[in-house]
Protein backbone atom coordinates (compact mmCIF):
# COMPACT_ATOMS: atom_id res chain seq x y z
CA UNK A 1 212.49 97.78 140.66
CA UNK A 2 216.07 98.56 140.33
CA UNK A 3 215.28 102.11 140.27
CA UNK A 4 214.83 101.73 143.96
CA UNK A 5 217.57 98.70 144.45
CA UNK A 6 219.57 101.13 142.81
CA UNK A 7 218.76 104.44 145.53
CA UNK A 8 219.07 102.69 148.50
CA UNK A 9 222.86 101.38 147.76
CA UNK A 10 223.46 105.29 146.42
CA UNK A 11 221.66 105.87 150.30
CA UNK A 12 224.04 103.40 152.33
CA UNK A 13 226.96 104.59 150.13
CA UNK A 14 226.41 108.53 151.17
CA UNK A 15 226.78 107.24 155.03
CA UNK A 16 229.48 104.79 154.14
CA UNK A 17 233.16 105.30 156.27
CA UNK A 18 235.33 103.38 154.53
CA UNK A 19 238.51 104.04 154.86
CA UNK A 20 239.74 100.77 153.45
CA UNK A 21 238.61 98.37 150.62
CA UNK A 22 238.56 95.94 153.64
CA UNK A 23 236.19 98.14 155.49
CA UNK A 24 234.03 98.15 152.21
CA UNK A 25 233.81 94.53 152.19
CA UNK A 26 232.86 94.63 155.22
CA UNK A 27 229.48 95.88 154.68
CA UNK A 28 229.66 94.73 150.97
CA UNK A 29 230.50 91.25 151.31
CA UNK A 30 229.33 90.04 147.76
CA UNK A 31 230.98 92.71 145.84
CA UNK A 32 234.51 92.55 144.02
CA UNK A 33 237.41 94.64 144.96
CA UNK A 34 239.24 94.74 141.61
CA UNK A 35 241.52 96.88 142.62
CA UNK A 36 242.59 99.78 145.83
CA UNK A 37 239.88 102.14 143.94
CA UNK A 38 237.93 99.76 141.86
CA UNK A 39 234.64 97.92 142.66
CA UNK A 40 231.88 96.30 141.45
CA UNK A 41 228.47 95.77 143.01
CA UNK A 42 225.84 93.41 141.99
CA UNK A 43 222.44 95.34 142.45
CA UNK A 44 219.21 94.24 142.00
CA UNK A 45 219.76 90.89 143.09
CA UNK A 46 222.72 90.62 140.70
CA UNK A 47 220.50 91.75 137.53
CA UNK A 48 222.90 95.02 137.50
CA UNK A 49 226.33 95.65 137.88
CA UNK A 50 227.44 98.82 138.86
CA UNK A 51 231.22 99.73 138.96
CA UNK A 52 232.69 102.81 140.97
CA UNK A 53 236.23 104.08 142.08
CA UNK A 54 236.58 104.46 145.05
CA UNK A 55 238.55 107.60 146.45
CA UNK A 56 238.61 106.07 150.23
CA UNK A 57 240.71 109.39 152.12
CA UNK A 58 238.58 111.79 150.18
CA UNK A 59 235.48 109.45 150.80
CA UNK A 60 234.29 110.21 147.32
CA UNK A 61 232.49 107.42 144.88
CA UNK A 62 232.89 107.97 141.23
CA UNK A 63 230.60 105.73 139.62
CA UNK A 64 232.45 104.62 136.10
CA UNK A 65 229.98 102.06 134.76
CA UNK A 66 226.12 100.71 135.15
CA UNK A 67 223.98 98.37 133.18
CA UNK A 68 223.77 94.46 132.71
CA UNK A 69 225.66 91.65 133.26
CA UNK A 70 224.48 90.82 129.62
CA UNK A 71 225.10 94.38 128.13
CA UNK A 72 228.85 94.21 129.23
CA UNK A 73 229.31 90.58 128.31
CA UNK A 74 227.51 90.92 125.29
CA UNK A 75 229.62 93.85 124.27
CA UNK A 76 233.25 92.31 124.71
CA UNK A 77 231.96 89.15 123.36
CA UNK A 78 231.15 90.94 120.10
CA UNK A 79 234.28 92.94 119.76
CA UNK A 80 232.62 96.47 121.14
CA UNK A 81 234.65 96.29 123.91
CA UNK A 82 238.44 95.08 124.50
CA UNK A 83 239.60 93.17 128.06
CA UNK A 84 241.54 96.07 130.15
CA UNK A 85 244.26 95.23 132.39
CA UNK A 86 241.80 94.27 135.21
CA UNK A 87 239.74 92.15 133.32
CA UNK A 88 242.76 90.18 132.02
CA UNK A 89 244.12 89.44 135.10
CA UNK A 90 241.15 88.28 136.66
CA UNK A 91 240.37 85.66 134.01
CA UNK A 92 243.78 84.71 133.74
CA UNK A 93 243.62 84.05 137.69
CA UNK A 94 239.89 82.70 137.69
CA UNK A 95 239.82 80.34 134.73
CA UNK A 96 243.67 79.55 134.49
CA UNK A 97 243.60 81.31 130.86
CA UNK A 98 247.49 82.55 129.64
CA UNK A 99 247.55 86.06 129.21
CA UNK A 100 248.97 85.76 126.25
CA UNK A 101 245.68 84.35 124.61
CA UNK A 102 243.59 86.82 126.01
CA UNK A 103 245.52 90.02 124.47
CA UNK A 104 245.97 88.34 120.82
CA UNK A 105 244.32 90.90 118.27
CA UNK A 106 240.81 89.95 117.90
């Protein structure tokens, strides 16, 4: 099932004509635009997360990471994966946790 959802996403993206993040957001309202290029898609009823970089001018989408929500969270919580700048900014903005707290060594 998840494989079919990913194949469907690939087919839709292969014919997409996005020139800006707003164009992408029009087609995928639930996509999270992290930066001008980095986008997170939820696949198969939010069971999987697909992180991509979009080169709008060249009409290319690079898949950066595919996995479950749980796998990425558990990697961060266990210390196997560090928070990146985009994650820190989003957590600070949404949860009002100071960046100083999020950037401390752990």
